[in-house]
């Protein structure tokens, strides 16, 4: 990591964790060109990805809950560390919900990155 994809002008247009058919060029993580691409627009790209990661985290939790509810996945099939993280997040969301805080209900996006 990271493997980059370039456009016809030779500019980086995408970064991947693993080699892809369209991205086989490897750059060191501290490469100046890569850093410039990742932090372009005064860091807005990085901020967007961070927010997107937080939102996707909640989506994954919901998908896991759905799979468990439908009997497709057993909670105990998950690695112990994953079980601990999921239980911990559920507990915090429940406490926040019970306290009737301004953070919203359990149905809204998690406002706290735990």
PDB file of N, CA and C in Angstrom:
ATOM      1  N   UNK A   1       0.856  -1.171   0.000  1.00  0.00           N
ATOM      2  CA  UNK A   1       0.000   0.000   0.000  1.00  0.00           C
ATOM      3  C   UNK A   1       0.880   1.205   0.000  1.00  0.00           C
ATOM      4  N   UNK A   2       0.577   2.214  -0.704  1.00  0.00           N
ATOM      5  CA  UNK A   2      -0.548   2.429  -1.616  1.00  0.00           C
ATOM      6  C   UNK A   2      -0.166   2.243  -3.087  1.00  0.00           C
ATOM      7  N   UNK A   3      -1.134   1.765  -3.816  1.00  0.00           N
ATOM      8  CA  UNK A   3      -1.014   1.657  -5.266  1.00  0.00           C
ATOM      9  C   UNK A   3      -1.860   2.768  -5.865  1.00  0.00           C
ATOM     10  N   UNK A   4      -1.330   3.407  -6.883  1.00  0.00           N
ATOM     11  CA  UNK A   4      -2.027   4.568  -7.442  1.00  0.00           C
ATOM     12  C   UNK A   4      -2.472   4.330  -8.875  1.00  0.00           C
ATOM     13  N   UNK A   5      -3.514   5.048  -9.230  1.00  0.00           N
ATOM     14  CA  UNK A   5      -4.019   5.082 -10.606  1.00  0.00           C
ATOM     15  C   UNK A   5      -3.781   6.494 -11.116  1.00  0.00           C
ATOM     16  N   UNK A   6      -3.318   6.597 -12.338  1.00  0.00           N
ATOM     17  CA  UNK A   6      -3.059   7.906 -12.947  1.00  0.00           C
ATOM     18  C   UNK A   6      -3.974   8.122 -14.154  1.00  0.00           C
ATOM     19  N   UNK A   7      -4.253   9.384 -14.453  1.00  0.00           N
ATOM     20  CA  UNK A   7      -5.011   9.707 -15.656  1.00  0.00           C
ATOM     21  C   UNK A   7      -4.052   9.841 -16.835  1.00  0.00           C
ATOM     22  N   UNK A   8      -4.577  10.192 -17.997  1.00  0.00           N
ATOM     23  CA  UNK A   8      -3.760  10.297 -19.210  1.00  0.00           C
ATOM     24  C   UNK A   8      -2.672  11.362 -19.080  1.00  0.00           C
ATOM     25  N   UNK A   9      -2.884  12.348 -18.199  1.00  0.00           N
ATOM     26  CA  UNK A   9      -1.888  13.396 -17.999  1.00  0.00           C
ATOM     27  C   UNK A   9      -0.841  13.019 -16.955  1.00  0.00           C
ATOM     28  N   UNK A  10      -0.950  11.818 -16.392  1.00  0.00           N
ATOM     29  CA  UNK A  10       0.011  11.368 -15.403  1.00  0.00           C
ATOM     30  C   UNK A  10      -0.287  11.808 -13.981  1.00  0.00           C
ATOM     31  N   UNK A  11      -1.466  12.384 -13.764  1.00  0.00           N
ATOM     32  CA  UNK A  11      -1.842  12.824 -12.428  1.00  0.00           C
ATOM     33  C   UNK A  11      -2.510  11.683 -11.668  1.00  0.00           C
ATOM     34  N   UNK A  12      -2.265  11.626 -10.356  1.00  0.00           N
ATOM     35  CA  UNK A  12      -2.909  10.618  -9.526  1.00  0.00           C
ATOM     36  C   UNK A  12      -4.399  10.930  -9.454  1.00  0.00           C
ATOM     37  N   UNK A  13      -5.210   9.898  -9.708  1.00  0.00           N
ATOM     38  CA  UNK A  13      -6.661  10.089  -9.625  1.00  0.00           C
ATOM     39  C   UNK A  13      -7.314   9.151  -8.617  1.00  0.00           C
ATOM     40  N   UNK A  14      -6.569   8.121  -8.155  1.00  0.00           N
ATOM     41  CA  UNK A  14      -7.125   7.194  -7.167  1.00  0.00           C
ATOM     42  C   UNK A  14      -5.982   6.481  -6.451  1.00  0.00           C
ATOM     43  N   UNK A  15      -6.281   6.060  -5.217  1.00  0.00           N
ATOM     44  CA  UNK A  15      -5.309   5.334  -4.398  1.00  0.00           C
ATOM     45  C   UNK A  15      -5.992   4.081  -3.862  1.00  0.00           C
ATOM     46  N   UNK A  16      -5.277   2.954  -3.895  1.00  0.00           N
ATOM     47  CA  UNK A  16      -5.824   1.677  -3.450  1.00  0.00           C
ATOM     48  C   UNK A  16      -4.876   1.020  -2.453  1.00  0.00           C
ATOM     49  N   UNK A  17      -5.430   0.250  -1.561  1.00  0.00           N
ATOM     50  CA  UNK A  17      -4.626  -0.462  -0.572  1.00  0.00           C
ATOM     51  C   UNK A  17      -3.897  -1.641  -1.200  1.00  0.00           C
ATOM     52  N   UNK A  18      -4.500  -2.249  -2.201  1.00  0.00           N
ATOM     53  CA  UNK A  18      -3.884  -3.391  -2.881  1.00  0.00           C
ATOM     54  C   UNK A  18      -3.832  -3.108  -4.373  1.00  0.00           C
ATOM     55  N   UNK A  19      -2.932  -3.782  -5.045  1.00  0.00           N
ATOM     56  CA  UNK A  19      -2.749  -3.578  -6.474  1.00  0.00           C
ATOM     57  C   UNK A  19      -4.035  -3.902  -7.234  1.00  0.00           C
ATOM     58  N   UNK A  20      -4.349  -3.067  -8.218  1.00  0.00           N
ATOM     59  CA  UNK A  20      -5.532  -3.231  -9.059  1.00  0.00           C
ATOM     60  C   UNK A  20      -5.090  -3.275 -10.513  1.00  0.00           C
ATOM     61  N   UNK A  21      -5.935  -3.788 -11.410  1.00  0.00           N
ATOM     62  CA  UNK A  21      -5.555  -3.800 -12.831  1.00  0.00           C
ATOM     63  C   UNK A  21      -5.213  -2.408 -13.362  1.00  0.00           C
ATOM     64  N   UNK A  22      -5.911  -1.396 -12.872  1.00  0.00           N
ATOM     65  CA  UNK A  22      -5.670  -0.030 -13.323  1.00  0.00           C
ATOM     66  C   UNK A  22      -4.697   0.718 -12.417  1.00  0.00           C
ATOM     67  N   UNK A  23      -4.228   0.047 -11.362  1.00  0.00           N
ATOM     68  CA  UNK A  23      -3.332   0.702 -10.397  1.00  0.00           C
ATOM     69  C   UNK A  23      -2.259  -0.277  -9.952  1.00  0.00           C
ATOM     70  N   UNK A  24      -1.188  -0.309 -10.695  1.00  0.00           N
ATOM     71  CA  UNK A  24      -0.105  -1.220 -10.352  1.00  0.00           C
ATOM     72  C   UNK A  24       1.170  -0.484  -9.917  1.00  0.00           C
ATOM     73  N   UNK A  25       1.120   0.843  -9.965  1.00  0.00           N
ATOM     74  CA  UNK A  25       2.280   1.633  -9.539  1.00  0.00           C
ATOM     75  C   UNK A  25       2.239   1.829  -8.023  1.00  0.00           C
ATOM     76  N   UNK A  26       3.315   1.442  -7.369  1.00  0.00           N
ATOM     77  CA  UNK A  26       3.417   1.560  -5.916  1.00  0.00           C
ATOM     78  C   UNK A  26       4.169   2.839  -5.567  1.00  0.00           C
ATOM     79  N   UNK A  27       3.661   3.553  -4.562  1.00  0.00           N
ATOM     80  CA  UNK A  27       4.359   4.722  -4.019  1.00  0.00           C
ATOM     81  C   UNK A  27       4.516   4.524  -2.519  1.00  0.00           C
ATOM     82  N   UNK A  28       5.617   5.006  -1.994  1.00  0.00           N
ATOM     83  CA  UNK A  28       5.803   4.978  -0.541  1.00  0.00           C
ATOM     84  C   UNK A  28       4.761   5.894   0.093  1.00  0.00           C
ATOM     85  N   UNK A  29       4.235   5.542   1.273  1.00  0.00           N
ATOM     86  CA  UNK A  29       3.206   6.369   1.917  1.00  0.00           C
ATOM     87  C   UNK A  29       3.616   7.826   2.137  1.00  0.00           C
ATOM     88  N   UNK A  30       4.909   8.083   2.283  1.00  0.00           N
ATOM     89  CA  UNK A  30       5.351   9.464   2.515  1.00  0.00           C
ATOM     90  C   UNK A  30       5.757  10.195   1.239  1.00  0.00           C
ATOM     91  N   UNK A  31       5.481   9.589   0.078  1.00  0.00           N
ATOM     92  CA  UNK A  31       5.791  10.229  -1.198  1.00  0.00           C
ATOM     93  C   UNK A  31       5.083  11.574  -1.295  1.00  0.00           C
ATOM     94  N   UNK A  32       5.809  12.610  -1.698  1.00  0.00           N
ATOM     95  CA  UNK A  32       5.256  13.964  -1.727  1.00  0.00           C
ATOM     96  C   UNK A  32       4.068  14.092  -2.683  1.00  0.00           C
ATOM     97  N   UNK A  33       4.141  13.457  -3.833  1.00  0.00           N
ATOM     98  CA  UNK A  33       3.030  13.512  -4.795  1.00  0.00           C
ATOM     99  C   UNK A  33       1.785  12.852  -4.222  1.00  0.00           C
ATOM    100  N   UNK A  34       1.970  11.723  -3.553  1.00  0.00           N
ATOM    101  CA  UNK A  34       0.849  11.030  -2.926  1.00  0.00           C
ATOM    102  C   UNK A  34       0.248  11.885  -1.809  1.00  0.00           C
ATOM    103  N   UNK A  35       1.093  12.460  -0.979  1.00  0.00           N
ATOM    104  CA  UNK A  35       0.616  13.312   0.108  1.00  0.00           C
ATOM    105  C   UNK A  35      -0.163  14.508  -0.427  1.00  0.00           C
ATOM    106  N   UNK A  36       0.323  15.082  -1.509  1.00  0.00           N
ATOM    107  CA  UNK A  36      -0.376  16.216  -2.115  1.00  0.00           C
ATOM    108  C   UNK A  36      -1.759  15.796  -2.607  1.00  0.00           C
ATOM    109  N   UNK A  37      -1.856  14.621  -3.229  1.00  0.00           N
ATOM    110  CA  UNK A  37      -3.149  14.127  -3.692  1.00  0.00           C
ATOM    111  C   UNK A  37      -4.100  13.883  -2.514  1.00  0.00           C
ATOM    112  N   UNK A  38      -3.600  13.237  -1.463  1.00  0.00           N
ATOM    113  CA  UNK A  38      -4.448  12.900  -0.322  1.00  0.00           C
ATOM    114  C   UNK A  38      -4.932  14.124   0.437  1.00  0.00           C
ATOM    115  N   UNK A  39      -4.108  15.151   0.482  1.00  0.00           N
ATOM    116  CA  UNK A  39      -4.461  16.327   1.270  1.00  0.00           C
ATOM    117  C   UNK A  39      -4.768  17.538   0.400  1.00  0.00           C
ATOM    118  N   UNK A  40      -5.171  17.286  -0.838  1.00  0.00           N
ATOM    119  CA  UNK A  40      -5.542  18.391  -1.727  1.00  0.00           C
ATOM    120  C   UNK A  40      -6.747  19.131  -1.177  1.00  0.00           C
ATOM    121  N   UNK A  41      -6.968  20.276  -1.672  1.00  0.00           N
ATOM    122  CA  UNK A  41      -8.103  21.101  -1.237  1.00  0.00           C
ATOM    123  C   UNK A  41      -8.051  21.378   0.264  1.00  0.00           C
ATOM    124  N   UNK A  42      -6.857  21.654   0.764  1.00  0.00           N
ATOM    125  CA  UNK A  42      -6.673  21.974   2.182  1.00  0.00           C
ATOM    126  C   UNK A  42      -7.189  20.888   3.109  1.00  0.00           C
ATOM    127  N   UNK A  43      -7.029  19.638   2.711  1.00  0.00           N
ATOM    128  CA  UNK A  43      -7.419  18.540   3.576  1.00  0.00           C
ATOM    129  C   UNK A  43      -8.873  18.128   3.467  1.00  0.00           C
ATOM    130  N   UNK A  44      -9.639  18.719   2.585  1.00  0.00           N
ATOM    131  CA  UNK A  44     -11.055  18.360   2.471  1.00  0.00           C
ATOM    132  C   UNK A  44     -11.249  16.913   2.049  1.00  0.00           C
ATOM    133  N   UNK A  45     -10.351  16.410   1.208  1.00  0.00           N
ATOM    134  CA  UNK A  45     -10.462  15.023   0.782  1.00  0.00           C
ATOM    135  C   UNK A  45     -10.293  14.098   1.985  1.00  0.00           C
ATOM    136  N   UNK A  46      -9.288  14.372   2.809  1.00  0.00           N
ATOM    137  CA  UNK A  46      -9.054  13.567   4.001  1.00  0.00           C
ATOM    138  C   UNK A  46     -10.236  13.680   4.965  1.00  0.00           C
ATOM    139  N   UNK A  47     -10.736  14.882   5.159  1.00  0.00           N
ATOM    140  CA  UNK A  47     -11.882  15.084   6.063  1.00  0.00           C
ATOM    141  C   UNK A  47     -13.105  14.334   5.542  1.00  0.00           C
ATOM    142  N   UNK A  48     -13.317  14.370   4.241  1.00  0.00           N
ATOM    143  CA  UNK A  48     -14.436  13.636   3.651  1.00  0.00           C
ATOM    144  C   UNK A  48     -14.296  12.138   3.913  1.00  0.00           C
ATOM    145  N   UNK A  49     -13.085  11.610   3.697  1.00  0.00           N
ATOM    146  CA  UNK A  49     -12.873  10.181   3.906  1.00  0.00           C
ATOM    147  C   UNK A  49     -13.061   9.807   5.373  1.00  0.00           C
ATOM    148  N   UNK A  50     -12.632  10.646   6.281  1.00  0.00           N
ATOM    149  CA  UNK A  50     -12.797  10.371   7.713  1.00  0.00           C
ATOM    150  C   UNK A  50     -14.286  10.313   8.060  1.00  0.00           C
ATOM    151  N   UNK A  51     -15.049  11.281   7.580  1.00  0.00           N
ATOM    152  CA  UNK A  51     -16.488  11.296   7.845  1.00  0.00           C
ATOM    153  C   UNK A  51     -17.168  10.094   7.194  1.00  0.00           C
ATOM    154  N   UNK A  52     -16.738   9.770   5.993  1.00  0.00           N
ATOM    155  CA  UNK A  52     -17.298   8.621   5.289  1.00  0.00           C
ATOM    156  C   UNK A  52     -17.002   7.329   6.051  1.00  0.00           C
ATOM    157  N   UNK A  53     -15.803   7.208   6.594  1.00  0.00           N
ATOM    158  CA  UNK A  53     -15.456   6.028   7.398  1.00  0.00           C
ATOM    159  C   UNK A  53     -16.371   5.901   8.609  1.00  0.00           C
ATOM    160  N   UNK A  54     -16.638   7.011   9.280  1.00  0.00           N
ATOM    161  CA  UNK A  54     -17.503   6.980  10.455  1.00  0.00           C
ATOM    162  C   UNK A  54     -18.918   6.555  10.087  1.00  0.00           C
ATOM    163  N   UNK A  55     -19.413   7.073   8.980  1.00  0.00           N
ATOM    164  CA  UNK A  55     -20.761   6.726   8.540  1.00  0.00           C
ATOM    165  C   UNK A  55     -20.833   5.261   8.115  1.00  0.00           C
ATOM    166  N   UNK A  56     -19.802   4.804   7.417  1.00  0.00           N
ATOM    167  CA  UNK A  56     -19.783   3.414   6.970  1.00  0.00           C
ATOM    168  C   UNK A  56     -19.682   2.463   8.153  1.00  0.00           C
ATOM    169  N   UNK A  57     -19.002   2.877   9.202  1.00  0.00           N
ATOM    170  CA  UNK A  57     -18.895   2.051  10.406  1.00  0.00           C
ATOM    171  C   UNK A  57     -20.282   1.725  10.945  1.00  0.00           C
ATOM    172  N   UNK A  58     -21.156   2.713  10.996  1.00  0.00           N
ATOM    173  CA  UNK A  58     -22.505   2.487  11.491  1.00  0.00           C
ATOM    174  C   UNK A  58     -23.299   1.593  10.543  1.00  0.00           C
ATOM    175  N   UNK A  59     -23.099   1.770   9.254  1.00  0.00           N
ATOM    176  CA  UNK A  59     -23.770   0.916   8.269  1.00  0.00           C
ATOM    177  C   UNK A  59     -23.357  -0.541   8.480  1.00  0.00           C
ATOM    178  N   UNK A  60     -22.071  -0.768   8.680  1.00  0.00           N
ATOM    179  CA  UNK A  60     -21.595  -2.130   8.900  1.00  0.00           C
ATOM    180  C   UNK A  60     -22.186  -2.731  10.173  1.00  0.00           C
ATOM    181  N   UNK A  61     -22.293  -1.931  11.225  1.00  0.00           N
ATOM    182  CA  UNK A  61     -22.922  -2.424  12.448  1.00  0.00           C
ATOM    183  C   UNK A  61     -24.367  -2.839  12.174  1.00  0.00           C
ATOM    184  N   UNK A  62     -25.088  -2.025  11.412  1.00  0.00           N
ATOM    185  CA  UNK A  62     -26.478  -2.341  11.090  1.00  0.00           C
ATOM    186  C   UNK A  62     -26.575  -3.611  10.241  1.00  0.00           C
ATOM    187  N   UNK A  63     -25.659  -3.782   9.295  1.00  0.00           N
ATOM    188  CA  UNK A  63     -25.652  -4.984   8.456  1.00  0.00           C
ATOM    189  C   UNK A  63     -25.368  -6.216   9.315  1.00  0.00           C
ATOM    190  N   UNK A  64     -24.426  -6.099  10.231  1.00  0.00           N
ATOM    191  CA  UNK A  64     -24.125  -7.221  11.128  1.00  0.00           C
ATOM    192  C   UNK A  64     -25.358  -7.566  11.959  1.00  0.00           C
ATOM    193  N   UNK A  65     -26.020  -6.556  12.509  1.00  0.00           N
ATOM    194  CA  UNK A  65     -27.244  -6.800  13.282  1.00  0.00           C
ATOM    195  C   UNK A  65     -28.304  -7.501  12.431  1.00  0.00           C
ATOM    196  N   UNK A  66     -28.478  -7.060  11.204  1.00  0.00           N
ATOM    197  CA  UNK A  66     -29.457  -7.661  10.301  1.00  0.00           C
ATOM    198  C   UNK A  66     -29.124  -9.122  10.020  1.00  0.00           C
ATOM    199  N   UNK A  67     -27.856  -9.404   9.742  1.00  0.00           N
ATOM    200  CA  UNK A  67     -27.445 -10.779   9.474  1.00  0.00           C
ATOM    201  C   UNK A  67     -27.662 -11.678  10.694  1.00  0.00           C
ATOM    202  N   UNK A  68     -27.418 -11.138  11.873  1.00  0.00           N
ATOM    203  CA  UNK A  68     -27.643 -11.900  13.104  1.00  0.00           C
ATOM    204  C   UNK A  68     -29.137 -12.124  13.310  1.00  0.00           C
ATOM    205  N   UNK A  69     -29.935 -11.064  13.128  1.00  0.00           N
ATOM    206  CA  UNK A  69     -31.386 -11.180  13.293  1.00  0.00           C
ATOM    207  C   UNK A  69     -31.995 -12.207  12.342  1.00  0.00           C
ATOM    208  N   UNK A  70     -31.462 -12.314  11.134  1.00  0.00           N
ATOM    209  CA  UNK A  70     -31.987 -13.256  10.146  1.00  0.00           C
ATOM    210  C   UNK A  70     -31.391 -14.661  10.313  1.00  0.00           C
ATOM    211  N   UNK A  71     -30.492 -14.823  11.269  1.00  0.00           N
ATOM    212  CA  UNK A  71     -29.898 -16.128  11.510  1.00  0.00           C
ATOM    213  C   UNK A  71     -28.835 -16.522  10.508  1.00  0.00           C
ATOM    214  N   UNK A  72     -28.370 -15.582   9.716  1.00  0.00           N
ATOM    215  CA  UNK A  72     -27.347 -15.865   8.708  1.00  0.00           C
ATOM    216  C   UNK A  72     -25.958 -15.886   9.353  1.00  0.00           C
ATOM    217  N   UNK A  73     -25.810 -15.129  10.404  1.00  0.00           N
ATOM    218  CA  UNK A  73     -24.541 -15.009  11.105  1.00  0.00           C
ATOM    219  C   UNK A  73     -24.789 -15.147  12.600  1.00  0.00           C
ATOM    220  N   UNK A  74     -23.930 -15.852  13.267  1.00  0.00           N
ATOM    221  CA  UNK A  74     -23.996 -15.954  14.719  1.00  0.00           C
ATOM    222  C   UNK A  74     -23.017 -14.940  15.298  1.00  0.00           C
ATOM    223  N   UNK A  75     -23.455 -14.230  16.319  1.00  0.00           N
ATOM    224  CA  UNK A  75     -22.587 -13.240  16.954  1.00  0.00           C
ATOM    225  C   UNK A  75     -21.272 -13.874  17.375  1.00  0.00           C
ATOM    226  N   UNK A  76     -21.337 -15.099  17.842  1.00  0.00           N
ATOM    227  CA  UNK A  76     -20.135 -15.798  18.309  1.00  0.00           C
ATOM    228  C   UNK A  76     -19.209 -16.222  17.162  1.00  0.00           C
ATOM    229  N   UNK A  77     -19.683 -16.101  15.909  1.00  0.00           N
ATOM    230  CA  UNK A  77     -18.813 -16.372  14.756  1.00  0.00           C
ATOM    231  C   UNK A  77     -17.799 -15.251  14.560  1.00  0.00           C
ATOM    232  N   UNK A  78     -18.111 -14.092  15.091  1.00  0.00           N
ATOM    233  CA  UNK A  78     -17.214 -12.945  14.951  1.00  0.00           C
ATOM    234  C   UNK A  78     -16.007 -13.101  15.873  1.00  0.00           C
ATOM    235  N   UNK A  79     -14.865 -12.543  15.478  1.00  0.00           N
ATOM    236  CA  UNK A  79     -13.702 -12.576  16.375  1.00  0.00           C
ATOM    237  C   UNK A  79     -14.041 -11.885  17.700  1.00  0.00           C
ATOM    238  N   UNK A  80     -13.426 -12.347  18.770  1.00  0.00           N
ATOM    239  CA  UNK A  80     -13.708 -11.820  20.108  1.00  0.00           C
ATOM    240  C   UNK A  80     -13.531 -10.303  20.150  1.00  0.00           C
ATOM    241  N   UNK A  81     -12.491  -9.784  19.526  1.00  0.00           N
ATOM    242  CA  UNK A  81     -12.265  -8.335  19.545  1.00  0.00           C
ATOM    243  C   UNK A  81     -13.400  -7.594  18.840  1.00  0.00           C
ATOM    244  N   UNK A  82     -13.899  -8.144  17.758  1.00  0.00           N
ATOM    245  CA  UNK A  82     -15.033  -7.525  17.060  1.00  0.00           C
ATOM    246  C   UNK A  82     -16.281  -7.561  17.944  1.00  0.00           C
ATOM    247  N   UNK A  83     -16.496  -8.664  18.636  1.00  0.00           N
ATOM    248  CA  UNK A  83     -17.637  -8.770  19.551  1.00  0.00           C
ATOM    249  C   UNK A  83     -17.560  -7.684  20.624  1.00  0.00           C
ATOM    250  N   UNK A  84     -16.383  -7.525  21.206  1.00  0.00           N
ATOM    251  CA  UNK A  84     -16.206  -6.519  22.259  1.00  0.00           C
ATOM    252  C   UNK A  84     -16.503  -5.116  21.747  1.00  0.00           C
ATOM    253  N   UNK A  85     -15.995  -4.804  20.568  1.00  0.00           N
ATOM    254  CA  UNK A  85     -16.210  -3.459  20.000  1.00  0.00           C
ATOM    255  C   UNK A  85     -17.685  -3.213  19.713  1.00  0.00           C
ATOM    256  N   UNK A  86     -18.354  -4.207  19.143  1.00  0.00           N
ATOM    257  CA  UNK A  86     -19.774  -4.040  18.832  1.00  0.00           C
ATOM    258  C   UNK A  86     -20.603  -3.880  20.102  1.00  0.00           C
ATOM    259  N   UNK A  87     -20.336  -4.696  21.101  1.00  0.00           N
ATOM    260  CA  UNK A  87     -21.077  -4.601  22.361  1.00  0.00           C
ATOM    261  C   UNK A  87     -20.813  -3.257  23.027  1.00  0.00           C
ATOM    262  N   UNK A  88     -19.572  -2.824  23.032  1.00  0.00           N
ATOM    263  CA  UNK A  88     -19.231  -1.533  23.635  1.00  0.00           C
ATOM    264  C   UNK A  88     -19.949  -0.374  22.966  1.00  0.00           C
ATOM    265  N   UNK A  89     -19.991  -0.375  21.662  1.00  0.00           N
ATOM    266  CA  UNK A  89     -20.673   0.706  20.936  1.00  0.00           C
ATOM    267  C   UNK A  89     -22.177   0.675  21.195  1.00  0.00           C
ATOM    268  N   UNK A  90     -22.755  -0.527  21.242  1.00  0.00           N
ATOM    269  CA  UNK A  90     -24.197  -0.630  21.524  1.00  0.00           C
ATOM    270  C   UNK A  90     -24.511  -0.077  22.911  1.00  0.00           C
ATOM    271  N   UNK A  91     -23.670  -0.396  23.870  1.00  0.00           N
ATOM    272  CA  UNK A  91     -23.884   0.096  25.232  1.00  0.00           C
ATOM    273  C   UNK A  91     -23.823   1.614  25.290  1.00  0.00           C
ATOM    274  N   UNK A  92     -22.840   2.202  24.653  1.00  0.00           N
ATOM    275  CA  UNK A  92     -22.703   3.664  24.666  1.00  0.00           C
ATOM    276  C   UNK A  92     -23.900   4.317  23.986  1.00  0.00           C
ATOM    277  N   UNK A  93     -24.327   3.770  22.839  1.00  0.00           N
ATOM    278  CA  UNK A  93     -25.499   4.340  22.157  1.00  0.00           C
ATOM    279  C   UNK A  93     -26.733   4.233  23.037  1.00  0.00           C
ATOM    280  N   UNK A  94     -26.894   3.111  23.742  1.00  0.00           N
ATOM    281  CA  UNK A  94     -28.061   2.936  24.613  1.00  0.00           C
ATOM    282  C   UNK A  94     -28.025   3.934  25.772  1.00  0.00           C
ATOM    283  N   UNK A  95     -26.861   4.130  26.375  1.00  0.00           N
ATOM    284  CA  UNK A  95     -26.732   5.100  27.466  1.00  0.00           C
ATOM    285  C   UNK A  95     -27.089   6.504  26.970  1.00  0.00           C
ATOM    286  N   UNK A  96     -26.570   6.862  25.810  1.00  0.00           N
ATOM    287  CA  UNK A  96     -26.864   8.182  25.256  1.00  0.00           C
ATOM    288  C   UNK A  96     -28.352   8.336  24.939  1.00  0.00           C
ATOM    289  N   UNK A  97     -28.936   7.294  24.407  1.00  0.00           N
ATOM    290  CA  UNK A  97     -30.365   7.323  24.090  1.00  0.00           C
ATOM    291  C   UNK A  97     -31.185   7.463  25.370  1.00  0.00           C
ATOM    292  N   UNK A  98     -30.828   6.710  26.393  1.00  0.00           N
ATOM    293  CA  UNK A  98     -31.558   6.759  27.661  1.00  0.00           C
ATOM    294  C   UNK A  98     -31.420   8.099  28.366  1.00  0.00           C
ATOM    295  N   UNK A  99     -30.329   8.770  28.158  1.00  0.00           N
ATOM    296  CA  UNK A  99     -30.121  10.080  28.790  1.00  0.00           C
ATOM    297  C   UNK A  99     -30.835  11.198  28.032  1.00  0.00           C
ATOM    298  N   UNK A 100     -31.431  10.826  26.900  1.00  0.00           N
ATOM    299  CA  UNK A 100     -32.190  11.794  26.124  1.00  0.00           C
ATOM    300  C   UNK A 100     -31.344  13.015  25.772  1.00  0.00           C
ATOM    301  N   UNK A 101     -30.123  12.743  25.315  1.00  0.00           N
ATOM    302  CA  UNK A 101     -29.192  13.816  25.006  1.00  0.00           C
ATOM    303  C   UNK A 101     -29.536  14.464  23.679  1.00  0.00           C
ATOM    304  N   UNK A 102     -28.850  15.533  23.392  1.00  0.00           N
ATOM    305  CA  UNK A 102     -29.037  16.231  22.115  1.00  0.00           C
ATOM    306  C   UNK A 102     -28.376  15.489  20.968  1.00  0.00           C
ATOM    307  N   UNK A 103     -27.748  14.352  21.251  1.00  0.00           N
ATOM    308  CA  UNK A 103     -27.048  13.616  20.212  1.00  0.00           C
ATOM    309  C   UNK A 103     -27.990  12.847  19.295  1.00  0.00           C
ATOM    310  N   UNK A 104     -29.245  12.739  19.636  1.00  0.00           N
ATOM    311  CA  UNK A 104     -30.203  12.089  18.749  1.00  0.00           C
ATOM    312  C   UNK A 104     -30.531  10.685  19.196  1.00  0.00           C
ATOM    313  N   UNK A 105     -31.300  10.003  18.345  1.00  0.00           N
ATOM    314  CA  UNK A 105     -31.741   8.651  18.658  1.00  0.00           C
ATOM    315  C   UNK A 105     -30.790   7.643  18.066  1.00  0.00           C
ATOM    316  N   UNK A 106     -31.036   6.393  18.385  1.00  0.00           N
ATOM    317  CA  UNK A 106     -30.211   5.297  17.892  1.00  0.00           C
ATOM    318  C   UNK A 106     -30.310   5.155  16.374  1.00  0.00           C
ATOM    319  N   UNK A 107     -31.347   5.709  15.774  1.00  0.00           N
ATOM    320  CA  UNK A 107     -31.539   5.586  14.332  1.00  0.00           C
ATOM    321  C   UNK A 107     -30.705   6.577  13.546  1.00  0.00           C
ATOM    322  N   UNK A 108     -30.156   7.571  14.190  1.00  0.00           N
ATOM    323  CA  UNK A 108     -29.354   8.569  13.502  1.00  0.00           C
ATOM    324  C   UNK A 108     -27.904   8.142  13.478  1.00  0.00           C
ATOM    325  N   UNK A 109     -27.111   8.803  12.624  1.00  0.00           N
ATOM    326  CA  UNK A 109     -25.683   8.499  12.557  1.00  0.00           C
ATOM    327  C   UNK A 109     -25.037   8.748  13.897  1.00  0.00           C
ATOM    328  N   UNK A 110     -24.043   7.933  14.221  1.00  0.00           N
ATOM    329  CA  UNK A 110     -23.294   8.100  15.452  1.00  0.00           C
ATOM    330  C   UNK A 110     -22.564   9.437  15.439  1.00  0.00           C
ATOM    331  N   UNK A 111     -22.811  10.325  16.416  1.00  0.00           N
ATOM    332  CA  UNK A 111     -22.098  11.594  16.437  1.00  0.00           C
ATOM    333  C   UNK A 111     -20.732  11.482  17.098  1.00  0.00           C
ATOM    334  N   UNK A 112     -20.479  10.377  17.804  1.00  0.00           N
ATOM    335  CA  UNK A 112     -19.218  10.230  18.499  1.00  0.00           C
ATOM    336  C   UNK A 112     -18.390   9.115  17.862  1.00  0.00           C
ATOM    337  N   UNK A 113     -17.167   9.397  17.439  1.00  0.00           N
ATOM    338  CA  UNK A 113     -16.318   8.329  16.932  1.00  0.00           C
ATOM    339  C   UNK A 113     -15.704   7.573  18.096  1.00  0.00           C
ATOM    340  N   UNK A 114     -16.204   6.379  18.377  1.00  0.00           N
ATOM    341  CA  UNK A 114     -15.706   5.593  19.507  1.00  0.00           C
ATOM    342  C   UNK A 114     -14.677   4.589  19.067  1.00  0.00           C
TER     343      UNK A 114
END
